[in-house]
């Protein structure tokens, strides 16, 4: 009986966190559009943050033309 209750509690918690029971976005179309735009902008900028963290946004030194790469 404990395992059954624990399983039901875990599944309810997982469903609530994934947005099944409680919606992740608003029901108002205008507010939902704003929320989706904010979410998509954050995910789009994640790639830039990843490249900046691993220093992939620095200029390549094997280019055929010279680049300074520092602050002038």
PDB file of N, CA and C in Angstrom:
ATOM      1  N   UNK A   1       0.818  -1.196   0.000  1.00  0.00           N
ATOM      2  CA  UNK A   1       0.000   0.000   0.000  1.00  0.00           C
ATOM      3  C   UNK A   1       0.864   1.263   0.000  1.00  0.00           C
ATOM      4  N   UNK A   2       1.971   1.198   0.742  1.00  0.00           N
ATOM      5  CA  UNK A   2       2.872   2.361   0.781  1.00  0.00           C
ATOM      6  C   UNK A   2       3.488   2.617  -0.590  1.00  0.00           C
ATOM      7  N   UNK A   3       3.854   1.538  -1.269  1.00  0.00           N
ATOM      8  CA  UNK A   3       4.457   1.701  -2.600  1.00  0.00           C
ATOM      9  C   UNK A   3       3.463   2.325  -3.567  1.00  0.00           C
ATOM     10  N   UNK A   4       2.212   1.936  -3.465  1.00  0.00           N
ATOM     11  CA  UNK A   4       1.192   2.496  -4.346  1.00  0.00           C
ATOM     12  C   UNK A   4       1.002   3.992  -4.071  1.00  0.00           C
ATOM     13  N   UNK A   5       0.904   4.358  -2.808  1.00  0.00           N
ATOM     14  CA  UNK A   5       0.757   5.777  -2.464  1.00  0.00           C
ATOM     15  C   UNK A   5       1.988   6.583  -2.852  1.00  0.00           C
ATOM     16  N   UNK A   6       3.160   6.004  -2.654  1.00  0.00           N
ATOM     17  CA  UNK A   6       4.398   6.686  -3.040  1.00  0.00           C
ATOM     18  C   UNK A   6       4.455   6.866  -4.556  1.00  0.00           C
ATOM     19  N   UNK A   7       4.031   5.854  -5.302  1.00  0.00           N
ATOM     20  CA  UNK A   7       4.018   5.951  -6.761  1.00  0.00           C
ATOM     21  C   UNK A   7       3.034   7.004  -7.259  1.00  0.00           C
ATOM     22  N   UNK A   8       1.858   7.054  -6.632  1.00  0.00           N
ATOM     23  CA  UNK A   8       0.863   8.055  -7.015  1.00  0.00           C
ATOM     24  C   UNK A   8       1.370   9.452  -6.675  1.00  0.00           C
ATOM     25  N   UNK A   9       1.985   9.626  -5.513  1.00  0.00           N
ATOM     26  CA  UNK A   9       2.506  10.937  -5.121  1.00  0.00           C
ATOM     27  C   UNK A   9       3.624  11.381  -6.065  1.00  0.00           C
ATOM     28  N   UNK A  10       4.500  10.470  -6.420  1.00  0.00           N
ATOM     29  CA  UNK A  10       5.592  10.818  -7.343  1.00  0.00           C
ATOM     30  C   UNK A  10       5.067  11.167  -8.729  1.00  0.00           C
ATOM     31  N   UNK A  11       4.072  10.424  -9.210  1.00  0.00           N
ATOM     32  CA  UNK A  11       3.524  10.720 -10.531  1.00  0.00           C
ATOM     33  C   UNK A  11       2.783  12.056 -10.535  1.00  0.00           C
ATOM     34  N   UNK A  12       2.080  12.385  -9.459  1.00  0.00           N
ATOM     35  CA  UNK A  12       1.418  13.691  -9.376  1.00  0.00           C
ATOM     36  C   UNK A  12       2.437  14.830  -9.337  1.00  0.00           C
ATOM     37  N   UNK A  13       3.506  14.626  -8.600  1.00  0.00           N
ATOM     38  CA  UNK A  13       4.553  15.649  -8.542  1.00  0.00           C
ATOM     39  C   UNK A  13       5.199  15.835  -9.900  1.00  0.00           C
ATOM     40  N   UNK A  14       5.491  14.736 -10.580  1.00  0.00           N
ATOM     41  CA  UNK A  14       6.102  14.817 -11.907  1.00  0.00           C
ATOM     42  C   UNK A  14       5.152  15.477 -12.901  1.00  0.00           C
ATOM     43  N   UNK A  15       3.866  15.147 -12.822  1.00  0.00           N
ATOM     44  CA  UNK A  15       2.885  15.753 -13.730  1.00  0.00           C
ATOM     45  C   UNK A  15       2.744  17.245 -13.463  1.00  0.00           C
ATOM     46  N   UNK A  16       2.792  17.645 -12.201  1.00  0.00           N
ATOM     47  CA  UNK A  16       2.669  19.071 -11.873  1.00  0.00           C
ATOM     48  C   UNK A  16       3.889  19.844 -12.353  1.00  0.00           C
ATOM     49  N   UNK A  17       5.064  19.248 -12.275  1.00  0.00           N
ATOM     50  CA  UNK A  17       6.282  19.936 -12.696  1.00  0.00           C
ATOM     51  C   UNK A  17       6.407  20.030 -14.211  1.00  0.00           C
ATOM     52  N   UNK A  18       5.788  19.096 -14.928  1.00  0.00           N
ATOM     53  CA  UNK A  18       5.906  19.108 -16.382  1.00  0.00           C
ATOM     54  C   UNK A  18       4.856  19.979 -17.058  1.00  0.00           C
ATOM     55  N   UNK A  19       3.894  20.498 -16.316  1.00  0.00           N
ATOM     56  CA  UNK A  19       2.896  21.379 -16.882  1.00  0.00           C
ATOM     57  C   UNK A  19       1.629  20.662 -17.301  1.00  0.00           C
ATOM     58  N   UNK A  20       1.447  19.413 -16.894  1.00  0.00           N
ATOM     59  CA  UNK A  20       0.237  18.676 -17.265  1.00  0.00           C
ATOM     60  C   UNK A  20      -0.944  19.083 -16.397  1.00  0.00           C
ATOM     61  N   UNK A  21      -0.762  19.116 -15.092  1.00  0.00           N
ATOM     62  CA  UNK A  21      -1.849  19.446 -14.186  1.00  0.00           C
ATOM     63  C   UNK A  21      -2.034  20.957 -14.103  1.00  0.00           C
ATOM     64  N   UNK A  22      -0.949  21.675 -13.867  1.00  0.00           N
ATOM     65  CA  UNK A  22      -0.963  23.137 -13.816  1.00  0.00           C
ATOM     66  C   UNK A  22      -0.317  23.636 -15.108  1.00  0.00           C
ATOM     67  N   UNK A  23      -1.032  24.374 -15.952  1.00  0.00           N
ATOM     68  CA  UNK A  23      -0.475  24.814 -17.231  1.00  0.00           C
ATOM     69  C   UNK A  23       0.784  25.671 -17.038  1.00  0.00           C
ATOM     70  N   UNK A  24       1.741  25.482 -17.929  1.00  0.00           N
ATOM     71  CA  UNK A  24       2.995  26.230 -17.842  1.00  0.00           C
ATOM     72  C   UNK A  24       2.822  27.666 -18.316  1.00  0.00           C
ATOM     73  N   UNK A  25       1.882  27.887 -19.228  1.00  0.00           N
ATOM     74  CA  UNK A  25       1.679  29.215 -19.785  1.00  0.00           C
ATOM     75  C   UNK A  25       0.274  29.711 -19.480  1.00  0.00           C
ATOM     76  N   UNK A  26       0.075  30.987 -19.572  1.00  0.00           N
ATOM     77  CA  UNK A  26      -1.204  31.624 -19.253  1.00  0.00           C
ATOM     78  C   UNK A  26      -2.263  31.259 -20.291  1.00  0.00           C
ATOM     79  N   UNK A  27      -3.518  31.369 -19.905  1.00  0.00           N
ATOM     80  CA  UNK A  27      -4.619  31.125 -20.821  1.00  0.00           C
ATOM     81  C   UNK A  27      -4.939  32.321 -21.688  1.00  0.00           C
ATOM     82  N   UNK A  28      -4.508  33.508 -21.275  1.00  0.00           N
ATOM     83  CA  UNK A  28      -4.728  34.724 -22.050  1.00  0.00           C
ATOM     84  C   UNK A  28      -3.795  34.720 -23.258  1.00  0.00           C
ATOM     85  N   UNK A  29      -4.325  34.844 -24.490  1.00  0.00           N
ATOM     86  CA  UNK A  29      -3.463  34.760 -25.678  1.00  0.00           C
ATOM     87  C   UNK A  29      -2.362  35.812 -25.725  1.00  0.00           C
ATOM     88  N   UNK A  30      -2.642  37.020 -25.280  1.00  0.00           N
ATOM     89  CA  UNK A  30      -1.629  38.079 -25.321  1.00  0.00           C
ATOM     90  C   UNK A  30      -0.498  37.769 -24.342  1.00  0.00           C
ATOM     91  N   UNK A  31      -0.853  37.404 -23.127  1.00  0.00           N
ATOM     92  CA  UNK A  31       0.165  37.080 -22.121  1.00  0.00           C
ATOM     93  C   UNK A  31       0.928  35.812 -22.515  1.00  0.00           C
ATOM     94  N   UNK A  32       0.227  34.825 -23.075  1.00  0.00           N
ATOM     95  CA  UNK A  32       0.893  33.586 -23.492  1.00  0.00           C
ATOM     96  C   UNK A  32       1.901  33.864 -24.596  1.00  0.00           C
ATOM     97  N   UNK A  33       1.557  34.754 -25.537  1.00  0.00           N
ATOM     98  CA  UNK A  33       2.498  35.114 -26.599  1.00  0.00           C
ATOM     99  C   UNK A  33       3.745  35.759 -26.015  1.00  0.00           C
ATOM    100  N   UNK A  34       3.578  36.656 -25.060  1.00  0.00           N
ATOM    101  CA  UNK A  34       4.738  37.279 -24.411  1.00  0.00           C
ATOM    102  C   UNK A  34       5.594  36.232 -23.704  1.00  0.00           C
ATOM    103  N   UNK A  35       4.954  35.300 -22.994  1.00  0.00           N
ATOM    104  CA  UNK A  35       5.710  34.267 -22.281  1.00  0.00           C
ATOM    105  C   UNK A  35       6.475  33.377 -23.250  1.00  0.00           C
ATOM    106  N   UNK A  36       5.849  33.004 -24.368  1.00  0.00           N
ATOM    107  CA  UNK A  36       6.536  32.167 -25.356  1.00  0.00           C
ATOM    108  C   UNK A  36       7.689  32.908 -26.017  1.00  0.00           C
ATOM    109  N   UNK A  37       7.518  34.215 -26.257  1.00  0.00           N
ATOM    110  CA  UNK A  37       8.616  34.999 -26.827  1.00  0.00           C
ATOM    111  C   UNK A  37       9.791  35.079 -25.864  1.00  0.00           C
ATOM    112  N   UNK A  38       9.502  35.307 -24.578  1.00  0.00           N
ATOM    113  CA  UNK A  38      10.588  35.356 -23.593  1.00  0.00           C
ATOM    114  C   UNK A  38      11.304  34.015 -23.502  1.00  0.00           C
ATOM    115  N   UNK A  39      10.546  32.932 -23.534  1.00  0.00           N
ATOM    116  CA  UNK A  39      11.157  31.599 -23.451  1.00  0.00           C
ATOM    117  C   UNK A  39      12.022  31.323 -24.668  1.00  0.00           C
ATOM    118  N   UNK A  40      11.527  31.643 -25.862  1.00  0.00           N
ATOM    119  CA  UNK A  40      12.298  31.364 -27.068  1.00  0.00           C
ATOM    120  C   UNK A  40      13.547  32.234 -27.135  1.00  0.00           C
ATOM    121  N   UNK A  41      13.468  33.475 -26.659  1.00  0.00           N
ATOM    122  CA  UNK A  41      14.657  34.326 -26.649  1.00  0.00           C
ATOM    123  C   UNK A  41      15.712  33.768 -25.704  1.00  0.00           C
ATOM    124  N   UNK A  42      15.288  33.272 -24.543  1.00  0.00           N
ATOM    125  CA  UNK A  42      16.255  32.708 -23.607  1.00  0.00           C
ATOM    126  C   UNK A  42      16.935  31.486 -24.192  1.00  0.00           C
ATOM    127  N   UNK A  43      16.178  30.629 -24.880  1.00  0.00           N
ATOM    128  CA  UNK A  43      16.784  29.436 -25.462  1.00  0.00           C
ATOM    129  C   UNK A  43      17.666  29.788 -26.651  1.00  0.00           C
ATOM    130  N   UNK A  44      17.316  30.838 -27.385  1.00  0.00           N
ATOM    131  CA  UNK A  44      18.132  31.229 -28.534  1.00  0.00           C
ATOM    132  C   UNK A  44      19.468  31.793 -28.074  1.00  0.00           C
ATOM    133  N   UNK A  45      19.448  32.533 -26.977  1.00  0.00           N
ATOM    134  CA  UNK A  45      20.678  33.133 -26.480  1.00  0.00           C
ATOM    135  C   UNK A  45      21.554  32.138 -25.727  1.00  0.00           C
ATOM    136  N   UNK A  46      21.029  30.949 -25.460  1.00  0.00           N
ATOM    137  CA  UNK A  46      21.807  29.941 -24.752  1.00  0.00           C
ATOM    138  C   UNK A  46      23.037  29.526 -25.556  1.00  0.00           C
ATOM    139  N   UNK A  47      22.902  29.444 -26.887  1.00  0.00           N
ATOM    140  CA  UNK A  47      24.038  29.071 -27.723  1.00  0.00           C
ATOM    141  C   UNK A  47      25.161  30.100 -27.635  1.00  0.00           C
ATOM    142  N   UNK A  48      24.809  31.376 -27.607  1.00  0.00           N
ATOM    143  CA  UNK A  48      25.831  32.420 -27.466  1.00  0.00           C
ATOM    144  C   UNK A  48      26.544  32.315 -26.121  1.00  0.00           C
ATOM    145  N   UNK A  49      25.787  32.035 -25.057  1.00  0.00           N
ATOM    146  CA  UNK A  49      26.410  31.874 -23.740  1.00  0.00           C
ATOM    147  C   UNK A  49      27.336  30.663 -23.724  1.00  0.00           C
ATOM    148  N   UNK A  50      26.924  29.568 -24.367  1.00  0.00           N
ATOM    149  CA  UNK A  50      27.744  28.363 -24.409  1.00  0.00           C
ATOM    150  C   UNK A  50      29.056  28.638 -25.140  1.00  0.00           C
ATOM    151  N   UNK A  51      29.002  29.337 -26.271  1.00  0.00           N
ATOM    152  CA  UNK A  51      30.218  29.651 -27.018  1.00  0.00           C
ATOM    153  C   UNK A  51      31.111  30.598 -26.225  1.00  0.00           C
ATOM    154  N   UNK A  52      30.529  31.535 -25.509  1.00  0.00           N
ATOM    155  CA  UNK A  52      31.320  32.457 -24.710  1.00  0.00           C
ATOM    156  C   UNK A  52      31.986  31.733 -23.541  1.00  0.00           C
ATOM    157  N   UNK A  53      31.290  30.748 -22.958  1.00  0.00           N
ATOM    158  CA  UNK A  53      31.854  30.004 -21.832  1.00  0.00           C
ATOM    159  C   UNK A  53      33.053  29.170 -22.265  1.00  0.00           C
ATOM    160  N   UNK A  54      32.980  28.530 -23.433  1.00  0.00           N
ATOM    161  CA  UNK A  54      34.070  27.688 -23.917  1.00  0.00           C
ATOM    162  C   UNK A  54      35.046  28.456 -24.797  1.00  0.00           C
ATOM    163  N   UNK A  55      34.934  29.784 -24.849  1.00  0.00           N
ATOM    164  CA  UNK A  55      35.816  30.660 -25.630  1.00  0.00           C
ATOM    165  C   UNK A  55      35.798  30.312 -27.113  1.00  0.00           C
ATOM    166  N   UNK A  56      34.632  29.910 -27.619  1.00  0.00           N
ATOM    167  CA  UNK A  56      34.505  29.612 -29.040  1.00  0.00           C
ATOM    168  C   UNK A  56      34.181  30.856 -29.851  1.00  0.00           C
ATOM    169  N   UNK A  57      33.884  31.967 -29.188  1.00  0.00           N
ATOM    170  CA  UNK A  57      33.547  33.187 -29.905  1.00  0.00           C
ATOM    171  C   UNK A  57      34.780  34.023 -30.216  1.00  0.00           C
ATOM    172  N   UNK A  58      35.960  33.538 -29.863  1.00  0.00           N
ATOM    173  CA  UNK A  58      37.194  34.262 -30.139  1.00  0.00           C
ATOM    174  C   UNK A  58      37.562  34.097 -31.614  1.00  0.00           C
ATOM    175  N   UNK A  59      38.277  35.033 -32.182  1.00  0.00           N
ATOM    176  CA  UNK A  59      38.663  34.895 -33.593  1.00  0.00           C
ATOM    177  C   UNK A  59      39.672  33.765 -33.765  1.00  0.00           C
ATOM    178  N   UNK A  60      39.566  33.095 -34.891  1.00  0.00           N
ATOM    179  CA  UNK A  60      40.467  31.979 -35.181  1.00  0.00           C
ATOM    180  C   UNK A  60      41.830  32.524 -35.617  1.00  0.00           C
ATOM    181  N   UNK A  61      42.886  31.863 -35.204  1.00  0.00           N
ATOM    182  CA  UNK A  61      44.235  32.295 -35.572  1.00  0.00           C
ATOM    183  C   UNK A  61      44.732  31.604 -36.825  1.00  0.00           C
ATOM    184  N   UNK A  62      43.908  30.767 -37.433  1.00  0.00           N
ATOM    185  CA  UNK A  62      44.313  30.106 -38.670  1.00  0.00           C
ATOM    186  C   UNK A  62      43.619  30.723 -39.877  1.00  0.00           C
ATOM    187  N   UNK A  63      43.114  31.936 -39.728  1.00  0.00           N
ATOM    188  CA  UNK A  63      42.482  32.613 -40.852  1.00  0.00           C
ATOM    189  C   UNK A  63      43.547  33.148 -41.793  1.00  0.00           C
ATOM    190  N   UNK A  64      43.235  33.269 -43.072  1.00  0.00           N
ATOM    191  CA  UNK A  64      44.241  33.778 -44.018  1.00  0.00           C
ATOM    192  C   UNK A  64      44.565  35.252 -43.812  1.00  0.00           C
ATOM    193  N   UNK A  65      43.747  35.999 -43.108  1.00  0.00           N
ATOM    194  CA  UNK A  65      44.015  37.397 -42.833  1.00  0.00           C
ATOM    195  C   UNK A  65      44.208  37.570 -41.326  1.00  0.00           C
ATOM    196  N   UNK A  66      44.935  38.594 -40.965  1.00  0.00           N
ATOM    197  CA  UNK A  66      45.290  38.789 -39.562  1.00  0.00           C
ATOM    198  C   UNK A  66      44.157  39.470 -38.816  1.00  0.00           C
ATOM    199  N   UNK A  67      43.840  38.948 -37.639  1.00  0.00           N
ATOM    200  CA  UNK A  67      42.878  39.583 -36.765  1.00  0.00           C
ATOM    201  C   UNK A  67      43.541  39.795 -35.426  1.00  0.00           C
ATOM    202  N   UNK A  68      43.217  40.910 -34.796  1.00  0.00           N
ATOM    203  CA  UNK A  68      43.861  41.231 -33.530  1.00  0.00           C
ATOM    204  C   UNK A  68      43.272  40.397 -32.400  1.00  0.00           C
ATOM    205  N   UNK A  69      41.963  40.384 -32.252  1.00  0.00           N
ATOM    206  CA  UNK A  69      41.314  39.566 -31.252  1.00  0.00           C
ATOM    207  C   UNK A  69      41.293  40.153 -29.855  1.00  0.00           C
ATOM    208  N   UNK A  70      41.968  41.216 -29.614  1.00  0.00           N
ATOM    209  CA  UNK A  70      41.991  41.824 -28.288  1.00  0.00           C
ATOM    210  C   UNK A  70      41.216  43.119 -28.277  1.00  0.00           C
ATOM    211  N   UNK A  71      41.283  43.793 -27.159  1.00  0.00           N
ATOM    212  CA  UNK A  71      40.617  45.084 -27.033  1.00  0.00           C
ATOM    213  C   UNK A  71      41.567  46.165 -27.529  1.00  0.00           C
ATOM    214  N   UNK A  72      41.110  46.977 -28.434  1.00  0.00           N
ATOM    215  CA  UNK A  72      41.966  48.024 -28.993  1.00  0.00           C
ATOM    216  C   UNK A  72      41.677  49.340 -28.358  1.00  0.00           C
TER     217      UNK A  72
END
